[in-house]
Amino acid sequence: MTTSLGTTSPGTTADRIRETLLTLAPATLDVIDDSEKHRGHGGWREGGGTHFQVRIRAAAFNGLSRVECHRRINALLAAEFARRLHALAIDARGVEA
C-alpha cells in the first residue's frame, strides 16, 4: 500500500482521516489538505484541516457504485465532519482482482 499525507503532525484532521480510511485496507490512499485554497470561504477555519481531497483504491469498493463508495466514506468520517471537516472531494474506486 502507498500513502501520501504531505506534512502533518500527529493528531491532525489529516491523520485521523488517514487512520479511519486505513480500516478499508486500501491498496493506495492519498489524503490532501486543500484548506488553504479555501481561505476566506465558507467553512474555512484558522489553522486549516477543513477542506480535503481523498483518493483511495480498495477492494472494499469492488462492485460498488460511485455513490455507494462516497456514502461509505462519509459514514466512516462522520465524526470528523462533526469535529472540523467541512468539505471532502472523494475519488474512490475498487481494485482489479
PDB file of N, CA and C in Angstrom:
ATOM      1  N   MET A   1       0.846  -1.181   0.000  1.00  0.00           N
ATOM      2  CA  MET A   1       0.000   0.000   0.000  1.00  0.00           C
ATOM      3  C   MET A   1       0.884   1.234   0.000  1.00  0.00           C
ATOM      4  N   THR A   2       0.463   2.245  -0.725  1.00  0.00           N
ATOM      5  CA  THR A   2       1.150   3.530  -0.695  1.00  0.00           C
ATOM      6  C   THR A   2       0.225   4.555  -0.076  1.00  0.00           C
ATOM      7  N   THR A   3       0.794   5.472   0.677  1.00  0.00           N
ATOM      8  CA  THR A   3       0.010   6.551   1.260  1.00  0.00           C
ATOM      9  C   THR A   3       0.738   7.853   1.030  1.00  0.00           C
ATOM     10  N   SER A   4      -0.030   8.930   1.003  1.00  0.00           N
ATOM     11  CA  SER A   4       0.538  10.257   0.839  1.00  0.00           C
ATOM     12  C   SER A   4      -0.219  11.203   1.740  1.00  0.00           C
ATOM     13  N   LEU A   5       0.496  11.881   2.613  1.00  0.00           N
ATOM     14  CA  LEU A   5      -0.162  12.786   3.539  1.00  0.00           C
ATOM     15  C   LEU A   5       0.415  14.183   3.485  1.00  0.00           C
ATOM     16  N   GLY A   6       1.575  14.360   2.890  1.00  0.00           N
ATOM     17  CA  GLY A   6       2.207  15.661   2.951  1.00  0.00           C
ATOM     18  C   GLY A   6       2.817  15.837   4.335  1.00  0.00           C
ATOM     19  N   THR A   7       2.921  17.067   4.781  1.00  0.00           N
ATOM     20  CA  THR A   7       3.486  17.319   6.094  1.00  0.00           C
ATOM     21  C   THR A   7       2.362  17.580   7.078  1.00  0.00           C
ATOM     22  N   THR A   8       2.208  16.672   8.006  1.00  0.00           N
ATOM     23  CA  THR A   8       1.188  16.813   9.037  1.00  0.00           C
ATOM     24  C   THR A   8       1.786  16.389  10.363  1.00  0.00           C
ATOM     25  N   SER A   9       1.196  16.844  11.431  1.00  0.00           N
ATOM     26  CA  SER A   9       1.647  16.436  12.752  1.00  0.00           C
ATOM     27  C   SER A   9       0.639  15.455  13.321  1.00  0.00           C
ATOM     28  N   PRO A  10       1.075  14.631  14.290  1.00  0.00           N
ATOM     29  CA  PRO A  10       0.157  13.649  14.874  1.00  0.00           C
ATOM     30  C   PRO A  10      -1.101  14.316  15.416  1.00  0.00           C
ATOM     31  N   GLY A  11      -2.221  13.654  15.207  1.00  0.00           N
ATOM     32  CA  GLY A  11      -3.469  14.161  15.751  1.00  0.00           C
ATOM     33  C   GLY A  11      -4.179  15.178  14.881  1.00  0.00           C
ATOM     34  N   THR A  12      -3.677  15.437  13.685  1.00  0.00           N
ATOM     35  CA  THR A  12      -4.338  16.393  12.806  1.00  0.00           C
ATOM     36  C   THR A  12      -5.564  15.753  12.162  1.00  0.00           C
ATOM     37  N   THR A  13      -6.387  16.580  11.572  1.00  0.00           N
ATOM     38  CA  THR A  13      -7.545  16.070  10.838  1.00  0.00           C
ATOM     39  C   THR A  13      -7.082  15.096   9.761  1.00  0.00           C
ATOM     40  N   ALA A  14      -6.023  15.425   9.048  1.00  0.00           N
ATOM     41  CA  ALA A  14      -5.499  14.541   8.001  1.00  0.00           C
ATOM     42  C   ALA A  14      -5.108  13.187   8.574  1.00  0.00           C
ATOM     43  N   ASP A  15      -4.445  13.186   9.725  1.00  0.00           N
ATOM     44  CA  ASP A  15      -4.054  11.924  10.362  1.00  0.00           C
ATOM     45  C   ASP A  15      -5.267  11.084  10.721  1.00  0.00           C
ATOM     46  N   ARG A  16      -6.282  11.727  11.262  1.00  0.00           N
ATOM     47  CA  ARG A  16      -7.485  10.984  11.662  1.00  0.00           C
ATOM     48  C   ARG A  16      -8.230  10.447  10.448  1.00  0.00           C
ATOM     49  N   ILE A  17      -8.289  11.228   9.370  1.00  0.00           N
ATOM     50  CA  ILE A  17      -8.907  10.743   8.136  1.00  0.00           C
ATOM     51  C   ILE A  17      -8.147   9.518   7.642  1.00  0.00           C
ATOM     52  N   ARG A  18      -6.835   9.636   7.593  1.00  0.00           N
ATOM     53  CA  ARG A  18      -5.998   8.530   7.120  1.00  0.00           C
ATOM     54  C   ARG A  18      -6.212   7.283   7.970  1.00  0.00           C
ATOM     55  N   GLU A  19      -6.137   7.422   9.276  1.00  0.00           N
ATOM     56  CA  GLU A  19      -6.300   6.269  10.172  1.00  0.00           C
ATOM     57  C   GLU A  19      -7.668   5.618   9.994  1.00  0.00           C
ATOM     58  N   THR A  20      -8.690   6.424   9.833  1.00  0.00           N
ATOM     59  CA  THR A  20     -10.042   5.889   9.645  1.00  0.00           C
ATOM     60  C   THR A  20     -10.139   5.128   8.329  1.00  0.00           C
ATOM     61  N   LEU A  21      -9.618   5.703   7.260  1.00  0.00           N
ATOM     62  CA  LEU A  21      -9.725   5.060   5.953  1.00  0.00           C
ATOM     63  C   LEU A  21      -8.809   3.850   5.810  1.00  0.00           C
ATOM     64  N   LEU A  22      -7.774   3.762   6.626  1.00  0.00           N
ATOM     65  CA  LEU A  22      -6.921   2.572   6.609  1.00  0.00           C
ATOM     66  C   LEU A  22      -7.684   1.325   7.043  1.00  0.00           C
ATOM     67  N   THR A  23      -8.811   1.496   7.734  1.00  0.00           N
ATOM     68  CA  THR A  23      -9.632   0.340   8.117  1.00  0.00           C
ATOM     69  C   THR A  23     -10.209  -0.358   6.889  1.00  0.00           C
ATOM     70  N   LEU A  24     -10.208   0.313   5.744  1.00  0.00           N
ATOM     71  CA  LEU A  24     -10.688  -0.285   4.496  1.00  0.00           C
ATOM     72  C   LEU A  24      -9.598  -1.085   3.782  1.00  0.00           C
ATOM     73  N   ALA A  25      -8.410  -1.146   4.372  1.00  0.00           N
ATOM     74  CA  ALA A  25      -7.259  -1.855   3.795  1.00  0.00           C
ATOM     75  C   ALA A  25      -7.005  -1.428   2.347  1.00  0.00           C
ATOM     76  N   PRO A  26      -6.804  -0.132   2.121  1.00  0.00           N
ATOM     77  CA  PRO A  26      -6.632   0.351   0.748  1.00  0.00           C
ATOM     78  C   PRO A  26      -5.319  -0.099   0.120  1.00  0.00           C
ATOM     79  N   ALA A  27      -5.352  -0.275  -1.195  1.00  0.00           N
ATOM     80  CA  ALA A  27      -4.127  -0.511  -1.954  1.00  0.00           C
ATOM     81  C   ALA A  27      -3.356   0.798  -2.073  1.00  0.00           C
ATOM     82  N   THR A  28      -4.084   1.902  -2.252  1.00  0.00           N
ATOM     83  CA  THR A  28      -3.486   3.238  -2.271  1.00  0.00           C
ATOM     84  C   THR A  28      -4.401   4.204  -1.532  1.00  0.00           C
ATOM     85  N   LEU A  29      -3.793   5.194  -0.921  1.00  0.00           N
ATOM     86  CA  LEU A  29      -4.549   6.208  -0.189  1.00  0.00           C
ATOM     87  C   LEU A  29      -3.783   7.518  -0.219  1.00  0.00           C
ATOM     88  N   ASP A  30      -4.419   8.559  -0.722  1.00  0.00           N
ATOM     89  CA  ASP A  30      -3.867   9.914  -0.699  1.00  0.00           C
ATOM     90  C   ASP A  30      -4.847  10.798   0.050  1.00  0.00           C
ATOM     91  N   VAL A  31      -4.353  11.500   1.052  1.00  0.00           N
ATOM     92  CA  VAL A  31      -5.156  12.454   1.814  1.00  0.00           C
ATOM     93  C   VAL A  31      -4.471  13.807   1.662  1.00  0.00           C
ATOM     94  N   ILE A  32      -5.148  14.740   1.025  1.00  0.00           N
ATOM     95  CA  ILE A  32      -4.544  16.030   0.686  1.00  0.00           C
ATOM     96  C   ILE A  32      -5.351  17.154   1.327  1.00  0.00           C
ATOM     97  N   ASP A  33      -4.676  17.961   2.139  1.00  0.00           N
ATOM     98  CA  ASP A  33      -5.318  19.094   2.805  1.00  0.00           C
ATOM     99  C   ASP A  33      -5.324  20.290   1.855  1.00  0.00           C
ATOM    100  N   ASP A  34      -6.505  20.633   1.376  1.00  0.00           N
ATOM    101  CA  ASP A  34      -6.679  21.774   0.473  1.00  0.00           C
ATOM    102  C   ASP A  34      -7.220  23.005   1.194  1.00  0.00           C
ATOM    103  N   SER A  35      -7.178  23.011   2.499  1.00  0.00           N
ATOM    104  CA  SER A  35      -7.812  24.071   3.282  1.00  0.00           C
ATOM    105  C   SER A  35      -7.338  25.464   2.899  1.00  0.00           C
ATOM    106  N   GLU A  36      -6.049  25.614   2.682  1.00  0.00           N
ATOM    107  CA  GLU A  36      -5.506  26.947   2.404  1.00  0.00           C
ATOM    108  C   GLU A  36      -6.061  27.521   1.100  1.00  0.00           C
ATOM    109  N   LYS A  37      -6.426  26.668   0.162  1.00  0.00           N
ATOM    110  CA  LYS A  37      -7.022  27.128  -1.095  1.00  0.00           C
ATOM    111  C   LYS A  37      -8.398  27.748  -0.862  1.00  0.00           C
ATOM    112  N   HIS A  38      -8.984  27.483   0.295  1.00  0.00           N
ATOM    113  CA  HIS A  38     -10.341  27.944   0.594  1.00  0.00           C
ATOM    114  C   HIS A  38     -10.368  29.035   1.668  1.00  0.00           C
ATOM    115  N   ARG A  39      -9.218  29.616   1.938  1.00  0.00           N
ATOM    116  CA  ARG A  39      -9.135  30.693   2.936  1.00  0.00           C
ATOM    117  C   ARG A  39     -10.176  31.762   2.628  1.00  0.00           C
ATOM    118  N   GLY A  40     -10.951  32.113   3.640  1.00  0.00           N
ATOM    119  CA  GLY A  40     -11.965  33.140   3.491  1.00  0.00           C
ATOM    120  C   GLY A  40     -13.301  32.637   2.970  1.00  0.00           C
ATOM    121  N   HIS A  41     -13.349  31.401   2.519  1.00  0.00           N
ATOM    122  CA  HIS A  41     -14.603  30.820   2.018  1.00  0.00           C
ATOM    123  C   HIS A  41     -15.373  30.182   3.169  1.00  0.00           C
ATOM    124  N   GLY A  42     -16.618  29.832   2.910  1.00  0.00           N
ATOM    125  CA  GLY A  42     -17.456  29.184   3.907  1.00  0.00           C
ATOM    126  C   GLY A  42     -16.827  27.906   4.433  1.00  0.00           C
ATOM    127  N   GLY A  43     -16.880  27.717   5.733  1.00  0.00           N
ATOM    128  CA  GLY A  43     -16.367  26.513   6.358  1.00  0.00           C
ATOM    129  C   GLY A  43     -14.889  26.546   6.684  1.00  0.00           C
ATOM    130  N   TRP A  44     -14.145  27.507   6.111  1.00  0.00           N
ATOM    131  CA  TRP A  44     -12.717  27.590   6.388  1.00  0.00           C
ATOM    132  C   TRP A  44     -12.504  28.090   7.810  1.00  0.00           C
ATOM    133  N   ARG A  45     -11.517  27.531   8.486  1.00  0.00           N
ATOM    134  CA  ARG A  45     -11.158  27.976   9.836  1.00  0.00           C
ATOM    135  C   ARG A  45      -9.656  28.204   9.915  1.00  0.00           C
ATOM    136  N   GLU A  46      -9.276  29.117  10.763  1.00  0.00           N
ATOM    137  CA  GLU A  46      -7.859  29.360  11.025  1.00  0.00           C
ATOM    138  C   GLU A  46      -7.215  28.052  11.466  1.00  0.00           C
ATOM    139  N   GLY A  47      -6.060  27.758  10.917  1.00  0.00           N
ATOM    140  CA  GLY A  47      -5.366  26.527  11.270  1.00  0.00           C
ATOM    141  C   GLY A  47      -5.626  25.388  10.296  1.00  0.00           C
ATOM    142  N   GLY A  48      -6.545  25.583   9.359  1.00  0.00           N
ATOM    143  CA  GLY A  48      -6.793  24.580   8.324  1.00  0.00           C
ATOM    144  C   GLY A  48      -7.524  23.355   8.835  1.00  0.00           C
ATOM    145  N   GLY A  49      -7.352  22.250   8.113  1.00  0.00           N
ATOM    146  CA  GLY A  49      -8.000  21.000   8.480  1.00  0.00           C
ATOM    147  C   GLY A  49      -9.480  20.955   8.168  1.00  0.00           C
ATOM    148  N   THR A  50      -9.916  21.761   7.193  1.00  0.00           N
ATOM    149  CA  THR A  50     -11.348  21.846   6.899  1.00  0.00           C
ATOM    150  C   THR A  50     -11.729  21.327   5.516  1.00  0.00           C
ATOM    151  N   HIS A  51     -10.831  21.393   4.563  1.00  0.00           N
ATOM    152  CA  HIS A  51     -11.115  21.012   3.177  1.00  0.00           C
ATOM    153  C   HIS A  51     -10.066  19.998   2.707  1.00  0.00           C
ATOM    154  N   PHE A  52     -10.528  18.835   2.263  1.00  0.00           N
ATOM    155  CA  PHE A  52      -9.614  17.760   1.877  1.00  0.00           C
ATOM    156  C   PHE A  52     -10.016  17.109   0.571  1.00  0.00           C
ATOM    157  N   GLN A  53      -9.014  16.497  -0.058  1.00  0.00           N
ATOM    158  CA  GLN A  53      -9.211  15.567  -1.166  1.00  0.00           C
ATOM    159  C   GLN A  53      -8.781  14.198  -0.664  1.00  0.00           C
ATOM    160  N   VAL A  54      -9.531  13.171  -1.042  1.00  0.00           N
ATOM    161  CA  VAL A  54      -9.151  11.797  -0.736  1.00  0.00           C
ATOM    162  C   VAL A  54      -9.195  11.006  -2.031  1.00  0.00           C
ATOM    163  N   ARG A  55      -8.096  10.330  -2.323  1.00  0.00           N
ATOM    164  CA  ARG A  55      -8.045   9.379  -3.433  1.00  0.00           C
ATOM    165  C   ARG A  55      -7.722   8.026  -2.821  1.00  0.00           C
ATOM    166  N   ILE A  56      -8.613   7.067  -3.030  1.00  0.00           N
ATOM    167  CA  ILE A  56      -8.455   5.762  -2.406  1.00  0.00           C
ATOM    168  C   ILE A  56      -8.830   4.660  -3.390  1.00  0.00           C
ATOM    169  N   ARG A  57      -8.035   3.605  -3.379  1.00  0.00           N
ATOM    170  CA  ARG A  57      -8.323   2.396  -4.144  1.00  0.00           C
ATOM    171  C   ARG A  57      -8.341   1.254  -3.140  1.00  0.00           C
ATOM    172  N   ALA A  58      -9.475   0.550  -3.072  1.00  0.00           N
ATOM    173  CA  ALA A  58      -9.604  -0.532  -2.096  1.00  0.00           C
ATOM    174  C   ALA A  58     -10.554  -1.603  -2.614  1.00  0.00           C
ATOM    175  N   ALA A  59     -10.238  -2.847  -2.318  1.00  0.00           N
ATOM    176  CA  ALA A  59     -11.113  -3.959  -2.695  1.00  0.00           C
ATOM    177  C   ALA A  59     -12.488  -3.804  -2.056  1.00  0.00           C
ATOM    178  N   ALA A  60     -12.557  -3.096  -0.939  1.00  0.00           N
ATOM    179  CA  ALA A  60     -13.842  -2.867  -0.259  1.00  0.00           C
ATOM    180  C   ALA A  60     -14.836  -2.144  -1.163  1.00  0.00           C
ATOM    181  N   PHE A  61     -14.346  -1.481  -2.202  1.00  0.00           N
ATOM    182  CA  PHE A  61     -15.218  -0.749  -3.119  1.00  0.00           C
ATOM    183  C   PHE A  61     -15.542  -1.528  -4.396  1.00  0.00           C
ATOM    184  N   ASN A  62     -14.951  -2.707  -4.558  1.00  0.00           N
ATOM    185  CA  ASN A  62     -15.235  -3.512  -5.751  1.00  0.00           C
ATOM    186  C   ASN A  62     -16.733  -3.759  -5.860  1.00  0.00           C
ATOM    187  N   GLY A  63     -17.284  -3.480  -7.025  1.00  0.00           N
ATOM    188  CA  GLY A  63     -18.699  -3.724  -7.274  1.00  0.00           C
ATOM    189  C   GLY A  63     -19.642  -2.652  -6.766  1.00  0.00           C
ATOM    190  N   LEU A  64     -19.111  -1.631  -6.085  1.00  0.00           N
ATOM    191  CA  LEU A  64     -19.956  -0.553  -5.570  1.00  0.00           C
ATOM    192  C   LEU A  64     -20.018   0.596  -6.575  1.00  0.00           C
ATOM    193  N   SER A  65     -21.144   1.290  -6.589  1.00  0.00           N
ATOM    194  CA  SER A  65     -21.259   2.485  -7.421  1.00  0.00           C
ATOM    195  C   SER A  65     -20.464   3.617  -6.775  1.00  0.00           C
ATOM    196  N   ARG A  66     -20.239   4.656  -7.544  1.00  0.00           N
ATOM    197  CA  ARG A  66     -19.531   5.828  -7.014  1.00  0.00           C
ATOM    198  C   ARG A  66     -20.271   6.394  -5.804  1.00  0.00           C
ATOM    199  N   VAL A  67     -21.592   6.469  -5.885  1.00  0.00           N
ATOM    200  CA  VAL A  67     -22.397   6.993  -4.777  1.00  0.00           C
ATOM    201  C   VAL A  67     -22.256   6.106  -3.543  1.00  0.00           C
ATOM    202  N   GLU A  68     -22.264   4.799  -3.732  1.00  0.00           N
ATOM    203  CA  GLU A  68     -22.108   3.892  -2.593  1.00  0.00           C
ATOM    204  C   GLU A  68     -20.738   4.045  -1.938  1.00  0.00           C
ATOM    205  N   CYS A  69     -19.706   4.227  -2.742  1.00  0.00           N
ATOM    206  CA  CYS A  69     -18.358   4.460  -2.203  1.00  0.00           C
ATOM    207  C   CYS A  69     -18.333   5.743  -1.379  1.00  0.00           C
ATOM    208  N   HIS A  70     -18.919   6.802  -1.913  1.00  0.00           N
ATOM    209  CA  HIS A  70     -18.945   8.091  -1.215  1.00  0.00           C
ATOM    210  C   HIS A  70     -19.734   7.978   0.089  1.00  0.00           C
ATOM    211  N   ARG A  71     -20.854   7.309   0.053  1.00  0.00           N
ATOM    212  CA  ARG A  71     -21.654   7.144   1.274  1.00  0.00           C
ATOM    213  C   ARG A  71     -20.874   6.402   2.347  1.00  0.00           C
ATOM    214  N   ARG A  72     -20.155   5.382   1.929  1.00  0.00           N
ATOM    215  CA  ARG A  72     -19.378   4.606   2.906  1.00  0.00           C
ATOM    216  C   ARG A  72     -18.291   5.472   3.543  1.00  0.00           C
ATOM    217  N   ILE A  73     -17.583   6.228   2.735  1.00  0.00           N
ATOM    218  CA  ILE A  73     -16.533   7.103   3.262  1.00  0.00           C
ATOM    219  C   ILE A  73     -17.129   8.187   4.150  1.00  0.00           C
ATOM    220  N   ASN A  74     -18.197   8.823   3.709  1.00  0.00           N
ATOM    221  CA  ASN A  74     -18.833   9.862   4.525  1.00  0.00           C
ATOM    222  C   ASN A  74     -19.312   9.308   5.860  1.00  0.00           C
ATOM    223  N   ALA A  75     -19.840   8.090   5.873  1.00  0.00           N
ATOM    224  CA  ALA A  75     -20.280   7.474   7.127  1.00  0.00           C
ATOM    225  C   ALA A  75     -19.089   7.221   8.049  1.00  0.00           C
ATOM    226  N   LEU A  76     -17.990   6.735   7.485  1.00  0.00           N
ATOM    227  CA  LEU A  76     -16.796   6.483   8.293  1.00  0.00           C
ATOM    228  C   LEU A  76     -16.227   7.771   8.885  1.00  0.00           C
ATOM    229  N   LEU A  77     -16.381   8.870   8.170  1.00  0.00           N
ATOM    230  CA  LEU A  77     -15.794  10.144   8.601  1.00  0.00           C
ATOM    231  C   LEU A  77     -16.805  11.083   9.260  1.00  0.00           C
ATOM    232  N   ALA A  78     -17.945  10.565   9.658  1.00  0.00           N
ATOM    233  CA  ALA A  78     -18.992  11.395  10.277  1.00  0.00           C
ATOM    234  C   ALA A  78     -18.468  12.173  11.479  1.00  0.00           C
ATOM    235  N   ALA A  79     -17.645  11.555  12.300  1.00  0.00           N
ATOM    236  CA  ALA A  79     -17.104  12.242  13.481  1.00  0.00           C
ATOM    237  C   ALA A  79     -16.210  13.409  13.074  1.00  0.00           C
ATOM    238  N   GLU A  80     -15.475  13.261  11.978  1.00  0.00           N
ATOM    239  CA  GLU A  80     -14.620  14.353  11.505  1.00  0.00           C
ATOM    240  C   GLU A  80     -15.447  15.515  10.973  1.00  0.00           C
ATOM    241  N   PHE A  81     -16.555  15.210  10.293  1.00  0.00           N
ATOM    242  CA  PHE A  81     -17.444  16.283   9.834  1.00  0.00           C
ATOM    243  C   PHE A  81     -18.033  17.021  11.031  1.00  0.00           C
ATOM    244  N   ALA A  82     -18.352  16.310  12.088  1.00  0.00           N
ATOM    245  CA  ALA A  82     -18.897  16.939  13.292  1.00  0.00           C
ATOM    246  C   ALA A  82     -17.829  17.752  14.018  1.00  0.00           C
ATOM    247  N   ARG A  83     -16.586  17.356  13.876  1.00  0.00           N
ATOM    248  CA  ARG A  83     -15.487  17.987  14.604  1.00  0.00           C
ATOM    249  C   ARG A  83     -14.942  19.229  13.891  1.00  0.00           C
ATOM    250  N   ARG A  84     -14.472  19.081  12.654  1.00  0.00           N
ATOM    251  CA  ARG A  84     -13.818  20.196  11.969  1.00  0.00           C
ATOM    252  C   ARG A  84     -13.945  20.142  10.448  1.00  0.00           C
ATOM    253  N   LEU A  85     -14.017  18.950   9.898  1.00  0.00           N
ATOM    254  CA  LEU A  85     -14.051  18.766   8.452  1.00  0.00           C
ATOM    255  C   LEU A  85     -15.283  19.427   7.844  1.00  0.00           C
ATOM    256  N   HIS A  86     -15.063  20.223   6.806  1.00  0.00           N
ATOM    257  CA  HIS A  86     -16.161  20.937   6.153  1.00  0.00           C
ATOM    258  C   HIS A  86     -16.457  20.384   4.760  1.00  0.00           C
ATOM    259  N   ALA A  87     -15.409  20.072   3.999  1.00  0.00           N
ATOM    260  CA  ALA A  87     -15.599  19.623   2.619  1.00  0.00           C
ATOM    261  C   ALA A  87     -14.613  18.511   2.291  1.00  0.00           C
ATOM    262  N   LEU A  88     -15.106  17.521   1.545  1.00  0.00           N
ATOM    263  CA  LEU A  88     -14.282  16.375   1.180  1.00  0.00           C
ATOM    264  C   LEU A  88     -14.549  16.009  -0.277  1.00  0.00           C
ATOM    265  N   ALA A  89     -13.519  16.138  -1.109  1.00  0.00           N
ATOM    266  CA  ALA A  89     -13.597  15.695  -2.504  1.00  0.00           C
ATOM    267  C   ALA A  89     -13.094  14.258  -2.533  1.00  0.00           C
ATOM    268  N   ILE A  90     -13.917  13.349  -3.042  1.00  0.00           N
ATOM    269  CA  ILE A  90     -13.612  11.919  -2.972  1.00  0.00           C
ATOM    270  C   ILE A  90     -13.437  11.332  -4.362  1.00  0.00           C
ATOM    271  N   ASP A  91     -12.342  10.606  -4.530  1.00  0.00           N
ATOM    272  CA  ASP A  91     -12.123   9.761  -5.704  1.00  0.00           C
ATOM    273  C   ASP A  91     -11.881   8.366  -5.145  1.00  0.00           C
ATOM    274  N   ALA A  92     -12.921   7.540  -5.111  1.00  0.00           N
ATOM    275  CA  ALA A  92     -12.852   6.200  -4.521  1.00  0.00           C
ATOM    276  C   ALA A  92     -13.201   5.163  -5.572  1.00  0.00           C
ATOM    277  N   ARG A  93     -12.356   4.159  -5.675  1.00  0.00           N
ATOM    278  CA  ARG A  93     -12.583   3.094  -6.650  1.00  0.00           C
ATOM    279  C   ARG A  93     -12.126   1.765  -6.071  1.00  0.00           C
ATOM    280  N   GLY A  94     -12.682   0.710  -6.644  1.00  0.00           N
ATOM    281  CA  GLY A  94     -12.227  -0.628  -6.290  1.00  0.00           C
ATOM    282  C   GLY A  94     -10.893  -0.913  -6.960  1.00  0.00           C
ATOM    283  N   VAL A  95     -10.361  -2.079  -6.673  1.00  0.00           N
ATOM    284  CA  VAL A  95      -9.120  -2.525  -7.309  1.00  0.00           C
ATOM    285  C   VAL A  95      -9.442  -3.742  -8.158  1.00  0.00           C
ATOM    286  N   GLU A  96      -8.703  -3.918  -9.196  1.00  0.00           N
ATOM    287  CA  GLU A  96      -8.910  -5.073 -10.067  1.00  0.00           C
ATOM    288  C   GLU A  96      -8.410  -6.327  -9.365  1.00  0.00           C
ATOM    289  N   ALA A  97      -9.140  -7.412  -9.534  1.00  0.00           N
ATOM    290  CA  ALA A  97      -8.769  -8.692  -8.900  1.00  0.00           C
ATOM    291  C   ALA A  97      -7.531  -9.268  -9.538  1.00  0.00           C
TER     292      ALA A  97
END
